[in-house]
Protein backbone atom coordinates (compact mmCIF):
# COMPACT_ATOMS: atom_id res chain seq x y z
CA UNK A 1 -20.33 9.62 0.33
CA UNK A 2 -22.39 10.80 -2.61
CA UNK A 3 -25.48 8.90 -3.77
CA UNK A 4 -24.68 9.78 -7.39
CA UNK A 5 -23.67 6.78 -9.49
CA UNK A 6 -19.92 6.38 -9.84
CA UNK A 7 -17.84 4.45 -12.38
CA UNK A 8 -17.05 0.94 -11.13
CA UNK A 9 -13.31 0.55 -10.54
CA UNK A 10 -11.02 -2.17 -9.20
CA UNK A 11 -7.66 -1.66 -7.54
CA UNK A 12 -4.97 -3.85 -6.04
CA UNK A 13 -3.50 -2.81 -2.69
CA UNK A 14 -0.22 -4.22 -1.40
CA UNK A 15 2.54 -3.01 0.91
CA UNK A 16 5.67 -4.04 2.80
CA UNK A 17 7.10 -6.07 -0.05
CA UNK A 18 10.63 -5.31 1.23
CA UNK A 19 12.36 -6.18 -2.03
CA UNK A 20 16.09 -6.53 -1.43
CA UNK A 21 15.71 -7.62 2.19
CA UNK A 22 18.07 -10.51 1.52
CA UNK A 23 20.44 -8.80 -0.91
CA UNK A 24 23.26 -8.07 1.55
CA UNK A 25 22.45 -10.50 4.34
CA UNK A 26 24.52 -13.43 3.13
CA UNK A 27 21.39 -15.20 1.91
CA UNK A 28 21.72 -17.50 -1.06
CA UNK A 29 20.19 -16.85 -4.47
CA UNK A 30 17.39 -19.35 -3.81
CA UNK A 31 16.19 -17.29 -0.83
CA UNK A 32 16.25 -14.08 -2.86
CA UNK A 33 14.48 -15.76 -5.77
CA UNK A 34 11.74 -17.02 -3.43
CA UNK A 35 11.22 -13.51 -2.08
CA UNK A 36 10.98 -12.14 -5.62
CA UNK A 37 8.52 -14.88 -6.51
CA UNK A 38 5.93 -13.49 -4.11
CA UNK A 39 5.96 -10.06 -5.74
CA UNK A 40 5.73 -11.74 -9.13
CA UNK A 41 2.56 -13.38 -7.82
CA UNK A 42 1.23 -9.96 -6.73
CA UNK A 43 1.54 -8.75 -10.30
CA UNK A 44 0.04 -12.01 -11.57
CA UNK A 45 -3.03 -11.41 -9.39
CA UNK A 46 -3.31 -7.81 -10.56
CA UNK A 47 -3.34 -9.00 -14.16
CA UNK A 48 -5.69 -11.93 -13.52
CA UNK A 49 -8.15 -9.72 -11.64
CA UNK A 50 -8.03 -7.03 -14.35
CA UNK A 51 -7.44 -4.18 -11.93
CA UNK A 52 -7.72 -0.59 -13.11
CA UNK A 53 -4.79 0.55 -10.98
CA UNK A 54 -2.56 -0.60 -8.12
CA UNK A 55 -1.31 1.04 -4.93
CA UNK A 56 1.83 0.08 -2.98
CA UNK A 57 1.56 1.57 0.52
CA UNK A 58 5.22 1.87 1.48
CA UNK A 59 8.30 -0.26 2.12
CA UNK A 60 8.34 -1.57 -1.43
CA UNK A 61 12.12 -1.77 -1.04
CA UNK A 62 13.77 -2.83 2.19
CA UNK A 63 16.55 -0.24 2.07
CA UNK A 64 18.49 2.07 -0.23
CA UNK A 65 21.36 -0.39 -0.74
CA UNK A 66 19.48 -3.09 -2.64
CA UNK A 67 21.19 -4.66 -5.62
CA UNK A 68 20.85 -3.09 -9.05
CA UNK A 69 19.28 -6.31 -10.30
CA UNK A 70 16.56 -5.92 -7.63
CA UNK A 71 15.70 -2.47 -8.94
CA UNK A 72 15.52 -3.85 -12.47
CA UNK A 73 13.35 -6.76 -11.30
CA UNK A 74 10.93 -4.34 -9.60
CA UNK A 75 10.71 -2.19 -12.71
CA UNK A 76 10.14 -5.18 -15.01
CA UNK A 77 7.38 -6.60 -12.82
CA UNK A 78 5.49 -3.31 -12.48
CA UNK A 79 5.74 -2.74 -16.21
CA UNK A 80 3.92 -6.04 -16.83
CA UNK A 81 0.68 -4.44 -15.62
CA UNK A 82 -1.16 -2.44 -18.25
CA UNK A 83 -2.50 -0.03 -15.64
CA UNK A 84 -1.19 2.77 -13.40
CA UNK A 85 0.79 1.82 -10.28
CA UNK A 86 1.32 4.31 -7.44
CA UNK A 87 3.95 3.98 -4.69
CA UNK A 88 3.81 6.01 -1.48
CA UNK A 89 7.26 5.39 0.09
CA UNK A 90 7.46 4.20 3.70
CA UNK A 91 10.11 4.38 6.40
CA UNK A 92 12.32 1.71 4.77
CA UNK A 93 12.24 3.22 1.26
CA UNK A 94 11.87 6.86 2.23
CA UNK A 95 12.29 9.78 -0.15
CA UNK A 96 14.81 12.59 0.19
CA UNK A 97 18.62 12.41 0.26
CA UNK A 98 19.90 8.91 -0.47
CA UNK A 99 16.52 7.57 -1.56
CA UNK A 100 16.48 4.22 -3.32
CA UNK A 101 14.17 5.76 -5.90
CA UNK A 102 16.98 8.06 -7.08
CA UNK A 103 19.17 5.11 -8.08
CA UNK A 104 17.10 3.92 -11.04
CA UNK A 105 15.40 5.63 -13.97
CA UNK A 106 11.88 4.48 -13.12
CA UNK A 107 10.35 7.35 -15.10
CA UNK A 108 11.63 6.01 -18.41
CA UNK A 109 11.89 2.32 -17.58
CA UNK A 110 8.47 2.04 -15.93
CA UNK A 111 6.14 4.62 -17.48
CA UNK A 112 3.03 3.26 -15.72
CA UNK A 113 4.61 3.97 -12.30
CA UNK A 114 4.10 7.13 -10.23
CA UNK A 115 6.14 7.68 -7.05
CA UNK A 116 4.91 10.14 -4.43
CA UNK A 117 7.92 12.15 -3.24
CA UNK A 118 6.76 14.74 -0.73
CA UNK A 119 6.16 14.52 3.01
CA UNK A 120 3.65 17.37 2.70
CA UNK A 121 1.38 15.10 0.67
CA UNK A 122 0.39 15.08 -2.97
CA UNK A 123 -2.49 14.04 -5.17
CA UNK A 124 -2.18 11.92 -8.29
CA UNK A 125 -5.15 12.31 -10.62
CA UNK A 126 -5.89 9.26 -12.74
CA UNK A 127 -8.08 11.24 -15.08
CA UNK A 128 -9.20 8.42 -17.37
CA UNK A 129 -10.34 6.45 -14.31
CA UNK A 130 -12.08 9.32 -12.46
CA UNK A 131 -9.87 8.55 -9.46
CA UNK A 132 -7.67 10.76 -7.28
CA UNK A 133 -5.08 9.22 -4.95
CA UNK A 134 -3.63 11.27 -2.08
CA UNK A 135 -0.70 10.26 0.08
CA UNK A 136 2.17 11.57 2.19
CA UNK A 137 5.62 10.01 1.80
CA UNK A 138 8.14 9.30 4.53
CA UNK A 139 11.46 11.07 4.92
CA UNK A 140 14.14 10.44 7.54
CA UNK A 141 13.89 14.05 8.70
CA UNK A 142 10.48 13.73 10.40
CA UNK A 143 10.58 11.42 13.45
CA UNK A 144 7.06 12.51 14.48
CA UNK A 145 5.65 11.80 11.02
CA UNK A 146 1.87 11.26 10.94
CA UNK A 147 0.56 10.16 7.52
CA UNK A 148 -2.96 11.57 7.75
CA UNK A 149 -2.61 14.83 9.64
CA UNK A 150 -4.50 17.65 7.86
CA UNK A 151 -5.19 16.02 4.49
CA UNK A 152 -6.64 18.24 1.79
CA UNK A 153 -10.41 18.16 1.21
CA UNK A 154 -11.90 15.65 -1.17
CA UNK A 155 -11.07 16.46 -4.77
CA UNK A 156 -13.47 16.65 -7.69
CA UNK A 157 -13.03 13.08 -8.95
CA UNK A 158 -15.81 10.61 -8.05
CA UNK A 159 -13.41 8.25 -6.28
CA UNK A 160 -10.99 9.44 -3.60
CA UNK A 161 -8.26 7.11 -2.31
CA UNK A 162 -5.84 7.74 0.57
CA UNK A 163 -2.52 5.99 1.10
CA UNK A 164 -0.46 6.01 4.30
CA UNK A 165 2.28 4.04 6.02
CA UNK A 166 2.19 3.89 9.81
CA UNK A 167 0.61 2.48 12.99
CA UNK A 168 -3.13 2.59 13.54
CA UNK A 169 -3.47 3.78 17.15
CA UNK A 170 -6.50 3.46 19.40
CA UNK A 171 -7.18 6.55 21.58
CA UNK A 172 -6.16 4.58 24.69
CA UNK A 173 -3.07 3.03 23.13
CA UNK A 174 0.42 3.28 24.54
CA UNK A 175 2.22 5.79 22.36
CA UNK A 176 5.60 4.07 21.95
CA UNK A 177 4.69 3.28 18.35
CA UNK A 178 5.83 5.65 15.63
CA UNK A 179 4.02 7.15 12.62
CA UNK A 180 0.62 7.41 14.32
CA UNK A 181 -2.62 6.94 12.40
CA UNK A 182 -5.77 7.53 14.41
CA UNK A 183 -9.35 6.61 13.62
CA UNK A 184 -10.33 10.29 13.58
CA UNK A 185 -7.58 10.96 11.01
CA UNK A 186 -9.20 8.43 8.70
CA UNK A 187 -12.68 9.82 9.25
CA UNK A 188 -11.49 13.39 8.64
CA UNK A 189 -9.81 12.39 5.38
CA UNK A 190 -13.23 11.79 3.78
CA UNK A 191 -11.65 9.28 1.40
CA UNK A 192 -13.61 6.32 0.07
CA UNK A 193 -10.82 3.82 0.67
CA UNK A 194 -7.56 4.12 2.59
CA UNK A 195 -4.70 1.78 1.71
CA UNK A 196 -2.45 1.29 4.73
CA UNK A 197 1.03 -0.14 5.08
CA UNK A 198 3.54 -0.85 7.88
CA UNK A 199 1.92 -3.95 9.34
CA UNK A 200 2.66 -7.33 7.79
CA UNK A 201 -0.68 -8.58 9.12
CA UNK A 202 -3.69 -8.21 6.81
CA UNK A 203 -6.60 -6.57 8.63
CA UNK A 204 -9.28 -3.93 8.34
CA UNK A 205 -9.30 -1.04 10.80
CA UNK A 206 -12.03 1.29 11.90
CA UNK A 207 -12.48 4.47 9.90
CA UNK A 208 -15.95 5.26 11.14
CA UNK A 209 -19.02 4.42 9.10
CA UNK A 210 -18.00 6.21 5.92
CA UNK A 211 -14.38 5.15 5.32
CA UNK A 212 -13.13 1.65 4.50
CA UNK A 213 -9.50 1.29 5.61
CA UNK A 214 -7.24 -1.76 5.64
CA UNK A 215 -3.71 -3.04 5.89
CA UNK A 216 -2.96 -5.36 2.98
CA UNK A 217 -0.32 -7.30 4.88
CA UNK A 218 2.92 -8.35 3.21
CA UNK A 219 3.13 -10.72 0.22
CA UNK A 220 5.73 -12.58 2.26
CA UNK A 221 5.66 -12.07 6.01
CA UNK A 222 9.35 -11.70 6.87
CA UNK A 223 8.60 -11.81 10.58
CA UNK A 224 6.38 -14.90 10.51
CA UNK A 225 8.60 -17.98 10.45
CA UNK A 226 7.05 -20.94 8.65
CA UNK A 227 4.23 -18.95 7.06
CA UNK A 228 4.02 -19.59 3.33
CA UNK A 229 3.13 -16.47 1.44
CA UNK A 230 0.81 -13.68 2.45
CA UNK A 231 -2.09 -11.66 1.07
CA UNK A 232 -2.89 -8.83 -1.26
CA UNK A 233 -6.17 -6.94 -1.35
CA UNK A 234 -8.44 -6.48 -4.34
CA UNK A 235 -10.66 -3.46 -3.73
CA UNK A 236 -13.88 -3.10 -5.68
CA UNK A 237 -15.32 0.41 -5.95
CA UNK A 238 -18.95 -0.12 -6.90
CA UNK A 239 -21.23 2.19 -8.86
CA UNK A 240 -23.45 2.76 -5.82
CA UNK A 241 -20.45 4.01 -3.82
CA UNK A 242 -19.94 0.80 -1.86
CA UNK A 243 -16.33 -0.27 -1.25
CA UNK A 244 -15.66 -3.99 -0.91
CA UNK A 245 -12.35 -5.77 -0.37
CA UNK A 246 -11.24 -9.35 -0.96
CA UNK A 247 -8.00 -10.79 0.37
CA UNK A 248 -6.20 -12.92 -2.20
CA UNK A 249 -3.41 -15.35 -1.32
CA UNK A 250 -0.10 -15.30 -3.19
CA UNK A 251 0.33 -18.99 -2.36
CA UNK A 252 -2.96 -20.53 -3.53
CA UNK A 253 -4.73 -20.39 -0.19
CA UNK A 254 -8.48 -19.60 -0.25
CA UNK A 255 -9.47 -15.96 -0.71
CA UNK A 256 -11.22 -14.10 2.13
CA UNK A 257 -14.35 -12.07 1.45
CA UNK A 258 -14.94 -8.56 2.80
CA UNK A 259 -17.20 -9.49 5.70
CA UNK A 260 -14.83 -12.24 6.83
CA UNK A 261 -11.76 -10.01 7.04
CA UNK A 262 -11.26 -9.10 10.70
CA UNK A 263 -11.65 -5.46 11.68
CA UNK A 264 -9.72 -4.08 14.63
CA UNK A 265 -11.74 -1.31 16.25
CA UNK A 266 -10.00 -1.07 19.62
CA UNK A 267 -6.35 -1.82 18.99
CA UNK A 268 -4.11 -1.05 21.93
CA UNK A 269 -0.71 -2.60 21.19
CA UNK A 270 -0.67 -3.47 17.48
CA UNK A 271 -0.33 -6.88 15.79
């Protein structure tokens, strides 16, 4: 990390929204509306916190068969934010043949949205913000997909962000999980902040001393019965190069400061 002063920036990090999870399940409209409400709150928080950009780290949609009205809802909500939004698709909303992102004209309907579409990885340069965001999108053709294998070197923008969707794996972990992300992968990326998705549990993970990496958790934890709402992360990129995250609740629970967010350094099985 450079000691040269950098422009202060603020981003919102969310993942695993799973819009459309209840579209074809026989659920009533009230259930679907409640699920949509939590993503509306994510955008509310982004606006309230005056973020410079937002990152969605995969599984924004639950599947490629979501209702047309769900696609329109997603577009309308993202367009509310007067700032760039970047999606790196995950295993549920993968790119390639049959992708949900090919069913809607996001380019024209949601001009502030960029969708990463290659499994080889790509960089989006937010030139006016002095930020570069690199990520690698899921396809169904790569069962051994690893989001952070051989990332490109740091770019020339002051702030470098990585985005990936997969399982953080400790060196001694059982390897039955898919989409492996290892601590050394994060260290080798040389990014300032890494936005992770795939876990619905909000937590920091170890990226060595130089890389701050975290799972945002889901706005609504579909697998946690009785839990009301979830978290999104506000990430402050400070002028001195420090990266600090705060976990905000979508359901009016107290926020959690950086030092109070648990960090998992020796995960064996996953959350």
